[in-house]
Amino acid sequence: MRILAIDYGSKRVGLAISEHALLAHGFKTLANNQHLLDTIVTIIKEREIAMVIIGNPKNMNGSLSLKSKEVVRFSKSLEKKIVPCKVILFDELLSTEEANDIMNLVKTKKKKRKEIRDQIAAEIILRRYLTTS
């Protein structure tokens, strides 16, 4: 079963894929624009994705943040377009910060960081999902 993880951001959206629900790897970073939903739907169909995990940016106390409410709206819009593919919201607590730490550790150049930060965050979200479910 292939799973797609999404790290939804205002400007960029990171994607990661898991083959056979085993290993997560960064896949792509997309611009958050009017074509985003259609692009993701195309990827889901082409890659034969069975499940989508979307990072839910809750507050530290577990309550819904303003961004979380936006992510919920996005997930509902996506879910309508990809029936019967299952969509799950999953806590993404500090995934972007962890992605930044990884890029610092491997000394990723600043120019490259923008391109891959959201992909790495999506990979972290997917890895967490796979290890907890």
C-alpha atoms as a PDB file:
ATOM      1  CA  MET A   1       0.000   0.000   0.000  1.00  0.00           C
ATOM      2  CA  ARG A   2       1.410   3.396  -0.988  1.00  0.00           C
ATOM      3  CA  ILE A   3       0.934   6.305   1.384  1.00  0.00           C
ATOM      4  CA  LEU A   4       1.393   9.990   0.577  1.00  0.00           C
ATOM      5  CA  ALA A   5       2.221  12.457   3.353  1.00  0.00           C
ATOM      6  CA  ILE A   6       1.604  16.177   2.991  1.00  0.00           C
ATOM      7  CA  ASP A   7       3.220  19.003   4.924  1.00  0.00           C
ATOM      8  CA  TYR A   8       0.860  21.858   4.075  1.00  0.00           C
ATOM      9  CA  GLY A   9       2.300  25.368   4.125  1.00  0.00           C
ATOM     10  CA  SER A  10       1.083  28.768   3.018  1.00  0.00           C
ATOM     11  CA  LYS A  11       3.697  29.054   0.262  1.00  0.00           C
ATOM     12  CA  ARG A  12       4.974  25.503  -0.253  1.00  0.00           C
ATOM     13  CA  VAL A  13       3.621  22.013   0.269  1.00  0.00           C
ATOM     14  CA  GLY A  14       5.988  19.127   0.918  1.00  0.00           C
ATOM     15  CA  LEU A  15       5.212  15.577  -0.170  1.00  0.00           C
ATOM     16  CA  ALA A  16       6.667  12.254   0.931  1.00  0.00           C
ATOM     17  CA  ILE A  17       5.769   8.740  -0.193  1.00  0.00           C
ATOM     18  CA  SER A  18       5.971   5.349   1.441  1.00  0.00           C
ATOM     19  CA  GLU A  19       6.100   2.199  -0.640  1.00  0.00           C
ATOM     20  CA  HIS A  20       4.320  -0.735   0.970  1.00  0.00           C
ATOM     21  CA  ALA A  21       3.960   1.253   4.222  1.00  0.00           C
ATOM     22  CA  LEU A  22       7.595   0.552   5.134  1.00  0.00           C
ATOM     23  CA  LEU A  23       9.964   3.441   4.466  1.00  0.00           C
ATOM     24  CA  ALA A  24       9.241   7.129   3.984  1.00  0.00           C
ATOM     25  CA  HIS A  25      11.148   9.235   1.487  1.00  0.00           C
ATOM     26  CA  GLY A  26      10.791  12.838   0.371  1.00  0.00           C
ATOM     27  CA  PHE A  27       9.097  13.113  -2.983  1.00  0.00           C
ATOM     28  CA  LYS A  28       8.415  16.658  -4.109  1.00  0.00           C
ATOM     29  CA  THR A  29       7.773  20.252  -3.053  1.00  0.00           C
ATOM     30  CA  LEU A  30       4.859  22.050  -4.682  1.00  0.00           C
ATOM     31  CA  ALA A  31       3.870  25.691  -4.769  1.00  0.00           C
ATOM     32  CA  ASN A  32       0.678  26.367  -2.839  1.00  0.00           C
ATOM     33  CA  ASN A  33      -1.340  27.896  -5.646  1.00  0.00           C
ATOM     34  CA  GLN A  34      -4.666  27.432  -7.443  1.00  0.00           C
ATOM     35  CA  HIS A  35      -3.394  24.221  -9.091  1.00  0.00           C
ATOM     36  CA  LEU A  36      -2.352  22.512  -5.847  1.00  0.00           C
ATOM     37  CA  LEU A  37      -5.376  20.236  -5.385  1.00  0.00           C
ATOM     38  CA  ASP A  38      -5.399  19.109  -9.011  1.00  0.00           C
ATOM     39  CA  THR A  39      -1.653  18.443  -8.932  1.00  0.00           C
ATOM     40  CA  ILE A  40      -1.969  16.319  -5.787  1.00  0.00           C
ATOM     41  CA  VAL A  41      -4.962  14.433  -7.229  1.00  0.00           C
ATOM     42  CA  THR A  42      -2.894  13.646 -10.345  1.00  0.00           C
ATOM     43  CA  ILE A  43       0.000  12.387  -8.204  1.00  0.00           C
ATOM     44  CA  ILE A  44      -2.383  10.209  -6.182  1.00  0.00           C
ATOM     45  CA  LYS A  45      -3.789   8.636  -9.338  1.00  0.00           C
ATOM     46  CA  GLU A  46      -0.444   8.198 -11.116  1.00  0.00           C
ATOM     47  CA  ARG A  47       1.292   6.730  -8.053  1.00  0.00           C
ATOM     48  CA  GLU A  48      -1.734   4.627  -7.040  1.00  0.00           C
ATOM     49  CA  ILE A  49      -1.795   6.095  -3.535  1.00  0.00           C
ATOM     50  CA  ALA A  50      -4.138   4.294  -1.113  1.00  0.00           C
ATOM     51  CA  MET A  51      -3.918   6.694   1.840  1.00  0.00           C
ATOM     52  CA  VAL A  52      -3.006  10.334   2.437  1.00  0.00           C
ATOM     53  CA  ILE A  53      -1.578  11.584   5.735  1.00  0.00           C
ATOM     54  CA  ILE A  54      -1.758  15.349   6.211  1.00  0.00           C
ATOM     55  CA  GLY A  55       0.254  17.029   8.933  1.00  0.00           C
ATOM     56  CA  ASN A  56      -2.013  18.825  11.380  1.00  0.00           C
ATOM     57  CA  PRO A  57      -0.204  21.782  13.018  1.00  0.00           C
ATOM     58  CA  LYS A  58      -1.829  21.851  16.441  1.00  0.00           C
ATOM     59  CA  ASN A  59      -0.756  24.154  19.236  1.00  0.00           C
ATOM     60  CA  MET A  60       1.676  22.802  21.848  1.00  0.00           C
ATOM     61  CA  ASN A  61      -1.277  22.189  24.202  1.00  0.00           C
ATOM     62  CA  GLY A  62      -3.051  20.070  21.547  1.00  0.00           C
ATOM     63  CA  SER A  63      -5.678  22.649  20.617  1.00  0.00           C
ATOM     64  CA  LEU A  64      -6.359  23.591  16.991  1.00  0.00           C
ATOM     65  CA  SER A  65      -4.268  26.468  15.675  1.00  0.00           C
ATOM     66  CA  LEU A  66      -5.379  28.912  12.971  1.00  0.00           C
ATOM     67  CA  LYS A  67      -3.175  26.985  10.529  1.00  0.00           C
ATOM     68  CA  SER A  68      -4.765  23.736  11.686  1.00  0.00           C
ATOM     69  CA  LYS A  69      -8.200  25.028  10.728  1.00  0.00           C
ATOM     70  CA  GLU A  70      -6.847  25.858   7.250  1.00  0.00           C
ATOM     71  CA  VAL A  71      -5.364  22.356   6.983  1.00  0.00           C
ATOM     72  CA  VAL A  72      -8.710  20.799   7.953  1.00  0.00           C
ATOM     73  CA  ARG A  73     -10.426  22.758   5.153  1.00  0.00           C
ATOM     74  CA  PHE A  74      -7.742  21.656   2.696  1.00  0.00           C
ATOM     75  CA  SER A  75      -8.058  18.008   3.770  1.00  0.00           C
ATOM     76  CA  LYS A  76     -11.840  18.068   3.287  1.00  0.00           C
ATOM     77  CA  SER A  77     -11.441  19.556  -0.203  1.00  0.00           C
ATOM     78  CA  LEU A  78      -8.868  16.912  -1.105  1.00  0.00           C
ATOM     79  CA  GLU A  79     -10.936  14.095   0.357  1.00  0.00           C
ATOM     80  CA  LYS A  80     -13.879  14.996  -1.886  1.00  0.00           C
ATOM     81  CA  LYS A  81     -11.674  14.707  -4.972  1.00  0.00           C
ATOM     82  CA  ILE A  82      -9.974  11.397  -4.156  1.00  0.00           C
ATOM     83  CA  VAL A  83     -12.767   9.121  -2.895  1.00  0.00           C
ATOM     84  CA  PRO A  84     -12.255   6.248  -1.909  1.00  0.00           C
ATOM     85  CA  CYS A  85      -8.652   7.109  -0.931  1.00  0.00           C
ATOM     86  CA  LYS A  86      -8.496   7.589   2.845  1.00  0.00           C
ATOM     87  CA  VAL A  87      -7.318  10.948   4.277  1.00  0.00           C
ATOM     88  CA  ILE A  88      -5.964  11.132   7.835  1.00  0.00           C
ATOM     89  CA  LEU A  89      -4.926  14.227   9.777  1.00  0.00           C
ATOM     90  CA  PHE A  90      -1.848  13.458  11.882  1.00  0.00           C
ATOM     91  CA  ASP A  91      -0.105  15.624  14.463  1.00  0.00           C
ATOM     92  CA  GLU A  92       2.966  17.250  12.899  1.00  0.00           C
ATOM     93  CA  LEU A  93       4.326  18.750  16.101  1.00  0.00           C
ATOM     94  CA  LEU A  94       7.727  20.367  15.437  1.00  0.00           C
ATOM     95  CA  SER A  95       8.284  18.504  12.151  1.00  0.00           C
ATOM     96  CA  THR A  96       9.553  21.642  10.399  1.00  0.00           C
ATOM     97  CA  GLU A  97      11.918  22.362  13.291  1.00  0.00           C
ATOM     98  CA  GLU A  98      13.213  18.788  13.061  1.00  0.00           C
ATOM     99  CA  ALA A  99      13.662  19.239   9.299  1.00  0.00           C
ATOM    100  CA  ASN A 100      15.686  22.416   9.973  1.00  0.00           C
ATOM    101  CA  ASP A 101      17.825  20.526  12.507  1.00  0.00           C
ATOM    102  CA  ILE A 102      18.537  17.800   9.943  1.00  0.00           C
ATOM    103  CA  MET A 103      19.506  20.360   7.299  1.00  0.00           C
ATOM    104  CA  ASN A 104      21.812  22.107   9.799  1.00  0.00           C
ATOM    105  CA  LEU A 105      23.394  18.791  10.725  1.00  0.00           C
ATOM    106  CA  VAL A 106      24.210  17.915   7.125  1.00  0.00           C
ATOM    107  CA  LYS A 107      25.098  21.537   6.306  1.00  0.00           C
ATOM    108  CA  THR A 108      22.504  22.030   3.568  1.00  0.00           C
ATOM    109  CA  LYS A 109      23.082  25.252   1.637  1.00  0.00           C
ATOM    110  CA  LYS A 110      20.573  28.026   2.314  1.00  0.00           C
ATOM    111  CA  LYS A 111      19.363  28.121  -1.284  1.00  0.00           C
ATOM    112  CA  LYS A 112      18.578  24.386  -1.217  1.00  0.00           C
ATOM    113  CA  ARG A 113      16.779  24.583   2.160  1.00  0.00           C
ATOM    114  CA  LYS A 114      13.678  26.255   0.733  1.00  0.00           C
ATOM    115  CA  GLU A 115      13.401  23.554  -1.899  1.00  0.00           C
ATOM    116  CA  ILE A 116      13.553  20.591   0.461  1.00  0.00           C
ATOM    117  CA  ARG A 117      12.447  21.760   3.944  1.00  0.00           C
ATOM    118  CA  ASP A 118       8.794  20.865   3.380  1.00  0.00           C
ATOM    119  CA  GLN A 119       9.666  17.531   1.751  1.00  0.00           C
ATOM    120  CA  ILE A 120      11.753  16.592   4.773  1.00  0.00           C
ATOM    121  CA  ALA A 121       8.954  17.684   7.123  1.00  0.00           C
ATOM    122  CA  ALA A 122       6.486  15.511   5.148  1.00  0.00           C
ATOM    123  CA  GLU A 123       8.927  12.610   5.402  1.00  0.00           C
ATOM    124  CA  ILE A 124       9.133  13.098   9.176  1.00  0.00           C
ATOM    125  CA  ILE A 125       5.333  13.173   9.461  1.00  0.00           C
ATOM    126  CA  LEU A 126       5.047   9.989   7.412  1.00  0.00           C
ATOM    127  CA  ARG A 127       7.798   8.210   9.364  1.00  0.00           C
ATOM    128  CA  ARG A 128       6.068   9.107  12.642  1.00  0.00           C
ATOM    129  CA  TYR A 129       2.755   7.832  11.300  1.00  0.00           C
ATOM    130  CA  LEU A 130       4.299   4.553  10.139  1.00  0.00           C
ATOM    131  CA  THR A 131       5.988   3.932  13.483  1.00  0.00           C
ATOM    132  CA  THR A 132       2.892   4.685  15.575  1.00  0.00           C
ATOM    133  CA  SER A 133       0.206   2.906  13.582  1.00  0.00           C
END
